Amino acid sequence: MPTVCAQMKGKNIVVVGGTSGIGRSLAEQLVPHNRVFIIGRSSDK
């Protein structure tokens, strides 16, 4: 596997469907140490 995501720190990650469910949980876990950009229908979320 490419090492680009190794250790998951300082990476730019896009989560499509990141406003709820699995996507939101993933975004919350990644965002403390990475730049996380979520995409979803809800502008409020």
All heavy atoms as atom14 arrays in JSON, in Angstrom:
{
  "sequence": "MPTVCAQMKGKNIVVVGGTSGIGRSLAEQLVPHNRVFIIGRSSDK",
  "atom14_mask": [
    [1, 1, 1, 1, 1, 1, 1, 1, 0, 0, 0, 0, 0, 0],
    [1, 1, 1, 1, 1, 1, 1, 0, 0, 0, 0, 0, 0, 0],
    [1, 1, 1, 1, 1, 1, 1, 0, 0, 0, 0, 0, 0, 0],
    [1, 1, 1, 1, 1, 1, 1, 0, 0, 0, 0, 0, 0, 0],
    [1, 1, 1, 1, 1, 1, 0, 0, 0, 0, 0, 0, 0, 0],
    [1, 1, 1, 1, 1, 0, 0, 0, 0, 0, 0, 0, 0, 0],
    [1, 1, 1, 1, 1, 1, 1, 1, 1, 0, 0, 0, 0, 0],
    [1, 1, 1, 1, 1, 1, 1, 1, 0, 0, 0, 0, 0, 0],
    [1, 1, 1, 1, 1, 1, 1, 1, 1, 0, 0, 0, 0, 0],
    [1, 1, 1, 1, 0, 0, 0, 0, 0, 0, 0, 0, 0, 0],
    [1, 1, 1, 1, 1, 1, 1, 1, 1, 0, 0, 0, 0, 0],
    [1, 1, 1, 1, 1, 1, 1, 1, 0, 0, 0, 0, 0, 0],
    [1, 1, 1, 1, 1, 1, 1, 1, 0, 0, 0, 0, 0, 0],
    [1, 1, 1, 1, 1, 1, 1, 0, 0, 0, 0, 0, 0, 0],
    [1, 1, 1, 1, 1, 1, 1, 0, 0, 0, 0, 0, 0, 0],
    [1, 1, 1, 1, 1, 1, 1, 0, 0, 0, 0, 0, 0, 0],
    [1, 1, 1, 1, 0, 0, 0, 0, 0, 0, 0, 0, 0, 0],
    [1, 1, 1, 1, 0, 0, 0, 0, 0, 0, 0, 0, 0, 0],
    [1, 1, 1, 1, 1, 1, 1, 0, 0, 0, 0, 0, 0, 0],
    [1, 1, 1, 1, 1, 1, 0, 0, 0, 0, 0, 0, 0, 0],
    [1, 1, 1, 1, 0, 0, 0, 0, 0, 0, 0, 0, 0, 0],
    [1, 1, 1, 1, 1, 1, 1, 1, 0, 0, 0, 0, 0, 0],
    [1, 1, 1, 1, 0, 0, 0, 0, 0, 0, 0, 0, 0, 0],
    [1, 1, 1, 1, 1, 1, 1, 1, 1, 1, 1, 0, 0, 0],
    [1, 1, 1, 1, 1, 1, 0, 0, 0, 0, 0, 0, 0, 0],
    [1, 1, 1, 1, 1, 1, 1, 1, 0, 0, 0, 0, 0, 0],
    [1, 1, 1, 1, 1, 0, 0, 0, 0, 0, 0, 0, 0, 0],
    [1, 1, 1, 1, 1, 1, 1, 1, 1, 0, 0, 0, 0, 0],
    [1, 1, 1, 1, 1, 1, 1, 1, 1, 0, 0, 0, 0, 0],
    [1, 1, 1, 1, 1, 1, 1, 1, 0, 0, 0, 0, 0, 0],
    [1, 1, 1, 1, 1, 1, 1, 0, 0, 0, 0, 0, 0, 0],
    [1, 1, 1, 1, 1, 1, 1, 0, 0, 0, 0, 0, 0, 0],
    [1, 1, 1, 1, 1, 1, 1, 1, 1, 1, 0, 0, 0, 0],
    [1, 1, 1, 1, 1, 1, 1, 1, 0, 0, 0, 0, 0, 0],
    [1, 1, 1, 1, 1, 1, 1, 1, 1, 1, 1, 0, 0, 0],
    [1, 1, 1, 1, 1, 1, 1, 0, 0, 0, 0, 0, 0, 0],
    [1, 1, 1, 1, 1, 1, 1, 1, 1, 1, 1, 0, 0, 0],
    [1, 1, 1, 1, 1, 1, 1, 1, 0, 0, 0, 0, 0, 0],
    [1, 1, 1, 1, 1, 1, 1, 1, 0, 0, 0, 0, 0, 0],
    [1, 1, 1, 1, 0, 0, 0, 0, 0, 0, 0, 0, 0, 0],
    [1, 1, 1, 1, 1, 1, 1, 1, 1, 1, 1, 0, 0, 0],
    [1, 1, 1, 1, 1, 1, 0, 0, 0, 0, 0, 0, 0, 0],
    [1, 1, 1, 1, 1, 1, 0, 0, 0, 0, 0, 0, 0, 0],
    [1, 1, 1, 1, 1, 1, 1, 1, 0, 0, 0, 0, 0, 0],
    [1, 1, 1, 1, 1, 1, 1, 1, 1, 0, 0, 0, 0, 0]
  ],
  "atom14_positions": [
    [[0.85, -1.19, 0.0], [0.0, 0.0, 0.0], [0.88, 1.24, 0.0], [1.9, 1.27, 0.66], [-0.91, 0.02, 1.23], [-1.8, 1.24, 1.32], [-2.9, 1.17, 2.76], [-3.9, -0.23, 2.28], [0.0, 0.0, 0.0], [0.0, 0.0, 0.0], [0.0, 0.0, 0.0], [0.0, 0.0, 0.0], [0.0, 0.0, 0.0], [0.0, 0.0, 0.0]],
    [[0.51, 2.3, -0.74], [1.29, 3.52, -0.73], [1.47, 4.05, 0.68], [0.56, 3.96, 1.52], [0.45, 4.48, -1.59], [-0.37, 3.59, -2.45], [-0.65, 2.37, -1.62], [0.0, 0.0, 0.0], [0.0, 0.0, 0.0], [0.0, 0.0, 0.0], [0.0, 0.0, 0.0], [0.0, 0.0, 0.0], [0.0, 0.0, 0.0], [0.0, 0.0, 0.0]],
    [[2.63, 4.59, 0.96], [2.9, 5.1, 2.31], [2.35, 6.5, 2.51], [2.53, 7.09, 3.56], [4.41, 5.12, 2.56], [5.04, 5.94, 1.56], [4.99, 3.72, 2.51], [0.0, 0.0, 0.0], [0.0, 0.0, 0.0], [0.0, 0.0, 0.0], [0.0, 0.0, 0.0], [0.0, 0.0, 0.0], [0.0, 0.0, 0.0], [0.0, 0.0, 0.0]],
    [[1.64, 7.03, 1.5], [1.17, 8.42, 1.57], [0.3, 8.67, 2.79], [0.26, 9.76, 3.34], [0.42, 8.8, 0.28], [-0.86, 8.0, 0.14], [0.13, 10.28, 0.22], [0.0, 0.0, 0.0], [0.0, 0.0, 0.0], [0.0, 0.0, 0.0], [0.0, 0.0, 0.0], [0.0, 0.0, 0.0], [0.0, 0.0, 0.0], [0.0, 0.0, 0.0]],
    [[-0.43, 7.64, 3.25], [-1.31, 7.82, 4.39], [-0.74, 7.24, 5.68], [-1.43, 7.18, 6.69], [-2.68, 7.19, 4.11], [-3.63, 8.09, 2.87], [0.0, 0.0, 0.0], [0.0, 0.0, 0.0], [0.0, 0.0, 0.0], [0.0, 0.0, 0.0], [0.0, 0.0, 0.0], [0.0, 0.0, 0.0], [0.0, 0.0, 0.0], [0.0, 0.0, 0.0]],
    [[0.52, 6.79, 5.64], [1.1, 6.18, 6.82], [1.07, 7.14, 8.0], [1.36, 8.32, 7.87], [2.54, 5.77, 6.53], [0.0, 0.0, 0.0], [0.0, 0.0, 0.0], [0.0, 0.0, 0.0], [0.0, 0.0, 0.0], [0.0, 0.0, 0.0], [0.0, 0.0, 0.0], [0.0, 0.0, 0.0], [0.0, 0.0, 0.0], [0.0, 0.0, 0.0]],
    [[0.68, 6.59, 9.15], [0.59, 7.3, 10.43], [-0.52, 8.34, 10.46], [-0.85, 8.85, 11.51], [1.93, 7.97, 10.77], [3.06, 6.97, 10.93], [4.37, 7.64, 11.28], [4.44, 8.85, 11.46], [5.42, 6.85, 11.35], [0.0, 0.0, 0.0], [0.0, 0.0, 0.0], [0.0, 0.0, 0.0], [0.0, 0.0, 0.0], [0.0, 0.0, 0.0]],
    [[-1.12, 8.64, 9.35], [-2.28, 9.53, 9.29], [-2.08, 10.83, 10.06], [-2.88, 11.2, 10.91], [-3.52, 8.8, 9.8], [-3.96, 7.65, 8.92], [-4.1, 8.1, 7.18], [-5.33, 9.38, 7.27], [0.0, 0.0, 0.0], [0.0, 0.0, 0.0], [0.0, 0.0, 0.0], [0.0, 0.0, 0.0], [0.0, 0.0, 0.0], [0.0, 0.0, 0.0]],
    [[-1.0, 11.49, 9.76], [-0.75, 12.81, 10.35], [-0.33, 13.77, 9.25], [0.49, 13.44, 8.4], [0.34, 12.73, 11.42], [-0.07, 11.97, 12.67], [1.01, 12.02, 13.74], [0.57, 11.3, 15.0], [1.6, 11.34, 16.06], [0.0, 0.0, 0.0], [0.0, 0.0, 0.0], [0.0, 0.0, 0.0], [0.0, 0.0, 0.0], [0.0, 0.0, 0.0]],
    [[-0.92, 14.95, 9.29], [-0.56, 15.98, 8.33], [-1.01, 15.69, 6.92], [-0.44, 16.23, 5.96], [0.0, 0.0, 0.0], [0.0, 0.0, 0.0], [0.0, 0.0, 0.0], [0.0, 0.0, 0.0], [0.0, 0.0, 0.0], [0.0, 0.0, 0.0], [0.0, 0.0, 0.0], [0.0, 0.0, 0.0], [0.0, 0.0, 0.0], [0.0, 0.0, 0.0]],
    [[-2.06, 14.87, 6.74], [-2.56, 14.52, 5.41], [-3.81, 15.32, 5.07], [-4.51, 15.83, 5.95], [-2.89, 13.02, 5.34], [-1.77, 12.11, 5.79], [-0.51, 12.29, 4.98], [0.59, 11.34, 5.45], [1.85, 11.54, 4.72], [0.0, 0.0, 0.0], [0.0, 0.0, 0.0], [0.0, 0.0, 0.0], [0.0, 0.0, 0.0], [0.0, 0.0, 0.0]],
    [[-4.08, 15.44, 3.79], [-5.32, 16.04, 3.29], [-6.27, 14.92, 2.89], [-5.99, 14.18, 1.94], [-5.05, 16.94, 2.09], [-4.33, 18.22, 2.44], [-4.34, 18.65, 3.59], [-3.7, 18.84, 1.47], [0.0, 0.0, 0.0], [0.0, 0.0, 0.0], [0.0, 0.0, 0.0], [0.0, 0.0, 0.0], [0.0, 0.0, 0.0], [0.0, 0.0, 0.0]],
    [[-7.37, 14.79, 3.62], [-8.31, 13.69, 3.39], [-9.68, 14.26, 3.03], [-10.19, 15.16, 3.71], [-8.46, 12.81, 4.65], [-7.08, 12.39, 5.19], [-9.33, 11.6, 4.35], [-6.29, 11.52, 4.25], [0.0, 0.0, 0.0], [0.0, 0.0, 0.0], [0.0, 0.0, 0.0], [0.0, 0.0, 0.0], [0.0, 0.0, 0.0], [0.0, 0.0, 0.0]],
    [[-10.28, 13.72, 1.99], [-11.63, 14.09, 1.59], [-12.56, 12.94, 1.93], [-12.31, 11.78, 1.58], [-11.71, 14.39, 0.08], [-13.16, 14.65, -0.33], [-10.83, 15.59, -0.27], [0.0, 0.0, 0.0], [0.0, 0.0, 0.0], [0.0, 0.0, 0.0], [0.0, 0.0, 0.0], [0.0, 0.0, 0.0], [0.0, 0.0, 0.0], [0.0, 0.0, 0.0]],
    [[-13.64, 13.24, 2.66], [-14.64, 12.23, 3.02], [-15.96, 12.61, 2.36], [-16.6, 13.59, 2.76], [-14.81, 12.12, 4.55], [-15.83, 11.03, 4.88], [-13.48, 11.83, 5.23], [0.0, 0.0, 0.0], [0.0, 0.0, 0.0], [0.0, 0.0, 0.0], [0.0, 0.0, 0.0], [0.0, 0.0, 0.0], [0.0, 0.0, 0.0], [0.0, 0.0, 0.0]],
    [[-16.35, 11.87, 1.35], [-17.63, 12.09, 0.68], [-18.7, 11.36, 1.48], [-18.58, 10.17, 1.73], [-17.6, 11.58, -0.77], [-18.92, 11.91, -1.47], [-16.42, 12.18, -1.53], [0.0, 0.0, 0.0], [0.0, 0.0, 0.0], [0.0, 0.0, 0.0], [0.0, 0.0, 0.0], [0.0, 0.0, 0.0], [0.0, 0.0, 0.0], [0.0, 0.0, 0.0]],
    [[-19.73, 12.09, 1.89], [-20.7, 11.53, 2.81], [-20.23, 11.72, 4.24], [-20.56, 10.92, 5.13], [0.0, 0.0, 0.0], [0.0, 0.0, 0.0], [0.0, 0.0, 0.0], [0.0, 0.0, 0.0], [0.0, 0.0, 0.0], [0.0, 0.0, 0.0], [0.0, 0.0, 0.0], [0.0, 0.0, 0.0], [0.0, 0.0, 0.0], [0.0, 0.0, 0.0]],
    [[-19.49, 12.78, 4.48], [-18.89, 13.01, 5.79], [-19.76, 13.78, 6.76], [-19.28, 14.17, 7.83], [0.0, 0.0, 0.0], [0.0, 0.0, 0.0], [0.0, 0.0, 0.0], [0.0, 0.0, 0.0], [0.0, 0.0, 0.0], [0.0, 0.0, 0.0], [0.0, 0.0, 0.0], [0.0, 0.0, 0.0], [0.0, 0.0, 0.0], [0.0, 0.0, 0.0]],
    [[-21.02, 14.01, 6.42], [-21.89, 14.78, 7.32], [-22.63, 13.91, 8.32], [-23.23, 14.41, 9.27], [-22.92, 15.61, 6.52], [-23.63, 14.74, 5.63], [-22.22, 16.7, 5.72], [0.0, 0.0, 0.0], [0.0, 0.0, 0.0], [0.0, 0.0, 0.0], [0.0, 0.0, 0.0], [0.0, 0.0, 0.0], [0.0, 0.0, 0.0], [0.0, 0.0, 0.0]],
    [[-22.62, 12.58, 8.12], [-23.34, 11.7, 9.05], [-22.78, 10.29, 8.96], [-21.97, 9.97, 8.09], [-24.85, 11.68, 8.73], [-25.08, 11.17, 7.43], [0.0, 0.0, 0.0], [0.0, 0.0, 0.0], [0.0, 0.0, 0.0], [0.0, 0.0, 0.0], [0.0, 0.0, 0.0], [0.0, 0.0, 0.0], [0.0, 0.0, 0.0], [0.0, 0.0, 0.0]],
    [[-23.23, 9.44, 9.89], [-22.9, 8.02, 9.85], [-21.41, 7.72, 9.9], [-20.63, 8.36, 10.61], [0.0, 0.0, 0.0], [0.0, 0.0, 0.0], [0.0, 0.0, 0.0], [0.0, 0.0, 0.0], [0.0, 0.0, 0.0], [0.0, 0.0, 0.0], [0.0, 0.0, 0.0], [0.0, 0.0, 0.0], [0.0, 0.0, 0.0], [0.0, 0.0, 0.0]],
    [[-21.02, 6.71, 9.13], [-19.62, 6.27, 9.09], [-18.71, 7.4, 8.65], [-17.63, 7.61, 9.22], [-19.48, 5.06, 8.14], [-20.21, 3.85, 8.7], [-18.01, 4.73, 7.9], [-20.32, 2.69, 7.72], [0.0, 0.0, 0.0], [0.0, 0.0, 0.0], [0.0, 0.0, 0.0], [0.0, 0.0, 0.0], [0.0, 0.0, 0.0], [0.0, 0.0, 0.0]],
    [[-19.13, 8.14, 7.64], [-18.31, 9.23, 7.12], [-18.01, 10.29, 8.17], [-16.87, 10.76, 8.3], [0.0, 0.0, 0.0], [0.0, 0.0, 0.0], [0.0, 0.0, 0.0], [0.0, 0.0, 0.0], [0.0, 0.0, 0.0], [0.0, 0.0, 0.0], [0.0, 0.0, 0.0], [0.0, 0.0, 0.0], [0.0, 0.0, 0.0], [0.0, 0.0, 0.0]],
    [[-19.04, 10.66, 8.95], [-18.82, 11.67, 9.98], [-17.93, 11.14, 11.1], [-17.05, 11.86, 11.6], [-20.16, 12.13, 10.55], [-20.05, 13.26, 11.6], [-19.32, 14.5, 11.03], [-19.19, 15.55, 12.0], [-20.05, 16.59, 12.1], [-21.09, 16.66, 11.28], [-19.87, 17.52, 13.0], [0.0, 0.0, 0.0], [0.0, 0.0, 0.0], [0.0, 0.0, 0.0]],
    [[-18.14, 9.89, 11.5], [-17.29, 9.29, 12.54], [-15.83, 9.26, 12.08], [-14.91, 9.56, 12.86], [-17.75, 7.87, 12.87], [-19.02, 7.89, 13.51], [0.0, 0.0, 0.0], [0.0, 0.0, 0.0], [0.0, 0.0, 0.0], [0.0, 0.0, 0.0], [0.0, 0.0, 0.0], [0.0, 0.0, 0.0], [0.0, 0.0, 0.0], [0.0, 0.0, 0.0]],
    [[-15.61, 8.91, 10.83], [-14.25, 8.87, 10.29], [-13.64, 10.27, 10.29], [-12.48, 10.45, 10.7], [-14.27, 8.3, 8.88], [-12.92, 8.3, 8.15], [-11.93, 7.38, 8.86], [-13.09, 7.9, 6.7], [0.0, 0.0, 0.0], [0.0, 0.0, 0.0], [0.0, 0.0, 0.0], [0.0, 0.0, 0.0], [0.0, 0.0, 0.0], [0.0, 0.0, 0.0]],
    [[-14.41, 11.25, 9.83], [-13.9, 12.62, 9.79], [-13.5, 13.11, 11.18], [-12.45, 13.76, 11.35], [-14.95, 13.54, 9.17], [0.0, 0.0, 0.0], [0.0, 0.0, 0.0], [0.0, 0.0, 0.0], [0.0, 0.0, 0.0], [0.0, 0.0, 0.0], [0.0, 0.0, 0.0], [0.0, 0.0, 0.0], [0.0, 0.0, 0.0], [0.0, 0.0, 0.0]],
    [[-14.32, 12.8, 12.18], [-14.03, 13.23, 13.55], [-12.75, 12.58, 14.09], [-12.0, 13.2, 14.85], [-15.21, 12.88, 14.47], [-16.51, 13.6, 14.15], [-16.49, 15.06, 14.59], [-15.54, 15.47, 15.27], [-17.45, 15.79, 14.23], [0.0, 0.0, 0.0], [0.0, 0.0, 0.0], [0.0, 0.0, 0.0], [0.0, 0.0, 0.0], [0.0, 0.0, 0.0]],
    [[-12.5, 11.34, 13.69], [-11.3, 10.66, 14.17], [-10.03, 11.14, 13.46], [-8.95, 11.1, 14.04], [-11.46, 9.14, 13.99], [-12.52, 8.55, 14.91], [-12.6, 7.04, 14.83], [-11.62, 6.37, 14.54], [-13.78, 6.49, 15.08], [0.0, 0.0, 0.0], [0.0, 0.0, 0.0], [0.0, 0.0, 0.0], [0.0, 0.0, 0.0], [0.0, 0.0, 0.0]],
    [[-10.17, 11.57, 12.23], [-9.0, 12.01, 11.47], [-8.63, 13.47, 11.7], [-7.45, 13.84, 11.6], [-9.26, 11.81, 9.97], [-9.34, 10.37, 9.46], [-9.75, 10.37, 7.99], [-8.0, 9.67, 9.62], [0.0, 0.0, 0.0], [0.0, 0.0, 0.0], [0.0, 0.0, 0.0], [0.0, 0.0, 0.0], [0.0, 0.0, 0.0], [0.0, 0.0, 0.0]],
    [[-9.61, 14.31, 11.99], [-9.4, 15.75, 11.96], [-8.44, 16.29, 13.02], [-7.81, 17.34, 12.78], [-10.76, 16.49, 12.01], [-11.35, 16.48, 13.42], [-10.63, 17.92, 11.48], [0.0, 0.0, 0.0], [0.0, 0.0, 0.0], [0.0, 0.0, 0.0], [0.0, 0.0, 0.0], [0.0, 0.0, 0.0], [0.0, 0.0, 0.0], [0.0, 0.0, 0.0]],
    [[-8.22, 15.64, 14.16], [-7.25, 16.21, 15.11], [-5.83, 16.32, 14.56], [-5.08, 17.22, 14.94], [-7.31, 15.23, 16.29], [-8.67, 14.64, 16.23], [-8.94, 14.49, 14.76], [0.0, 0.0, 0.0], [0.0, 0.0, 0.0], [0.0, 0.0, 0.0], [0.0, 0.0, 0.0], [0.0, 0.0, 0.0], [0.0, 0.0, 0.0], [0.0, 0.0, 0.0]],
    [[-5.46, 15.42, 13.64], [-4.08, 15.4, 13.15], [-3.97, 15.56, 11.64], [-2.87, 15.44, 11.08], [-3.39, 14.1, 13.57], [-3.38, 13.88, 15.05], [-2.65, 14.67, 15.92], [-4.04, 12.97, 15.82], [-2.84, 14.25, 17.16], [-3.69, 13.23, 17.13], [0.0, 0.0, 0.0], [0.0, 0.0, 0.0], [0.0, 0.0, 0.0], [0.0, 0.0, 0.0]],
    [[-5.08, 15.8, 10.97], [-5.08, 15.91, 9.51], [-6.02, 17.01, 9.06], [-6.91, 17.42, 9.81], [-5.54, 14.58, 8.87], [-4.67, 13.41, 9.26], [-3.64, 13.16, 8.67], [-5.11, 12.67, 10.29], [0.0, 0.0, 0.0], [0.0, 0.0, 0.0], [0.0, 0.0, 0.0], [0.0, 0.0, 0.0], [0.0, 0.0, 0.0], [0.0, 0.0, 0.0]],
    [[-5.84, 17.48, 7.85], [-6.78, 18.4, 7.23], [-7.88, 17.55, 6.6], [-7.62, 16.74, 5.7], [-6.07, 19.23, 6.15], [-6.98, 20.07, 5.27], [-7.62, 21.2, 6.01], [-8.25, 22.16, 5.1], [-9.25, 22.93, 5.41], [-9.77, 22.88, 6.64], [-9.76, 23.78, 4.55], [0.0, 0.0, 0.0], [0.0, 0.0, 0.0], [0.0, 0.0, 0.0]],
    [[-9.11, 17.67, 7.11], [-10.21, 16.83, 6.67], [-11.28, 17.7, 6.02], [-11.79, 18.65, 6.64], [-10.81, 16.01, 7.82], [-11.98, 15.17, 7.33], [-9.75, 15.12, 8.45], [0.0, 0.0, 0.0], [0.0, 0.0, 0.0], [0.0, 0.0, 0.0], [0.0, 0.0, 0.0], [0.0, 0.0, 0.0], [0.0, 0.0, 0.0], [0.0, 0.0, 0.0]],
    [[-11.64, 17.35, 4.8], [-12.63, 18.1, 4.03], [-13.8, 17.17, 3.76], [-13.65, 16.15, 3.09], [-12.01, 18.57, 2.72], [-12.74, 19.71, 2.06], [-12.47, 21.02, 2.41], [-13.69, 19.46, 1.09], [-13.13, 22.07, 1.79], [-14.36, 20.5, 0.47], [-14.08, 21.82, 0.82], [0.0, 0.0, 0.0], [0.0, 0.0, 0.0], [0.0, 0.0, 0.0]],
    [[-14.98, 17.51, 4.32], [-16.14, 16.65, 4.14], [-17.05, 17.21, 3.05], [-17.11, 18.42, 2.82], [-16.93, 16.47, 5.45], [-17.56, 17.78, 5.91], [-16.04, 15.88, 6.54], [-18.51, 17.62, 7.1], [0.0, 0.0, 0.0], [0.0, 0.0, 0.0], [0.0, 0.0, 0.0], [0.0, 0.0, 0.0], [0.0, 0.0, 0.0], [0.0, 0.0, 0.0]],
    [[-17.75, 16.3, 2.39], [-18.72, 16.68, 1.35], [-20.03, 15.98, 1.66], [-20.05, 14.77, 1.92], [-18.24, 16.28, -0.05], [-16.89, 16.93, -0.37], [-19.27, 16.68, -1.11], [-16.28, 16.46, -1.68], [0.0, 0.0, 0.0], [0.0, 0.0, 0.0], [0.0, 0.0, 0.0], [0.0, 0.0, 0.0], [0.0, 0.0, 0.0], [0.0, 0.0, 0.0]],
    [[-21.13, 16.73, 1.67], [-22.43, 16.14, 1.95], [-23.54, 17.1, 1.58], [-23.29, 18.27, 1.25], [0.0, 0.0, 0.0], [0.0, 0.0, 0.0], [0.0, 0.0, 0.0], [0.0, 0.0, 0.0], [0.0, 0.0, 0.0], [0.0, 0.0, 0.0], [0.0, 0.0, 0.0], [0.0, 0.0, 0.0], [0.0, 0.0, 0.0], [0.0, 0.0, 0.0]],
    [[-24.77, 16.6, 1.65], [-25.91, 17.43, 1.26], [-26.21, 18.56, 2.24], [-26.65, 19.63, 1.85], [-27.17, 16.55, 1.14], [-27.24, 15.7, -0.12], [-28.62, 15.06, -0.22], [-28.77, 14.3, -1.45], [-28.51, 13.02, -1.56], [-28.05, 12.36, -0.51], [-28.68, 12.39, -2.7], [0.0, 0.0, 0.0], [0.0, 0.0, 0.0], [0.0, 0.0, 0.0]],
    [[-25.98, 18.34, 3.52], [-26.39, 19.3, 4.55], [-25.38, 20.43, 4.72], [-24.29, 20.22, 5.26], [-26.58, 18.58, 5.88], [-26.82, 19.5, 6.92], [0.0, 0.0, 0.0], [0.0, 0.0, 0.0], [0.0, 0.0, 0.0], [0.0, 0.0, 0.0], [0.0, 0.0, 0.0], [0.0, 0.0, 0.0], [0.0, 0.0, 0.0], [0.0, 0.0, 0.0]],
    [[-25.75, 21.61, 4.31], [-24.86, 22.76, 4.48], [-24.67, 23.09, 5.96], [-23.59, 23.53, 6.37], [-25.42, 23.98, 3.73], [-26.71, 24.32, 4.19], [0.0, 0.0, 0.0], [0.0, 0.0, 0.0], [0.0, 0.0, 0.0], [0.0, 0.0, 0.0], [0.0, 0.0, 0.0], [0.0, 0.0, 0.0], [0.0, 0.0, 0.0], [0.0, 0.0, 0.0]],
    [[-25.72, 22.86, 6.77], [-25.61, 23.12, 8.21], [-24.56, 22.22, 8.85], [-23.76, 22.66, 9.68], [-26.96, 22.92, 8.9], [-27.97, 24.0, 8.53], [-27.54, 25.07, 8.04], [-29.18, 23.77, 8.73], [0.0, 0.0, 0.0], [0.0, 0.0, 0.0], [0.0, 0.0, 0.0], [0.0, 0.0, 0.0], [0.0, 0.0, 0.0], [0.0, 0.0, 0.0]],
    [[-24.56, 20.94, 8.5], [-23.6, 20.0, 9.09], [-22.19, 20.27, 8.6], [-21.21, 20.09, 9.35], [-24.02, 18.57, 8.78], [-25.29, 18.14, 9.5], [-25.65, 16.7, 9.18], [-26.92, 16.27, 9.92], [-27.3, 14.87, 9.62], [0.0, 0.0, 0.0], [0.0, 0.0, 0.0], [0.0, 0.0, 0.0], [0.0, 0.0, 0.0], [0.0, 0.0, 0.0]]
  ]
}
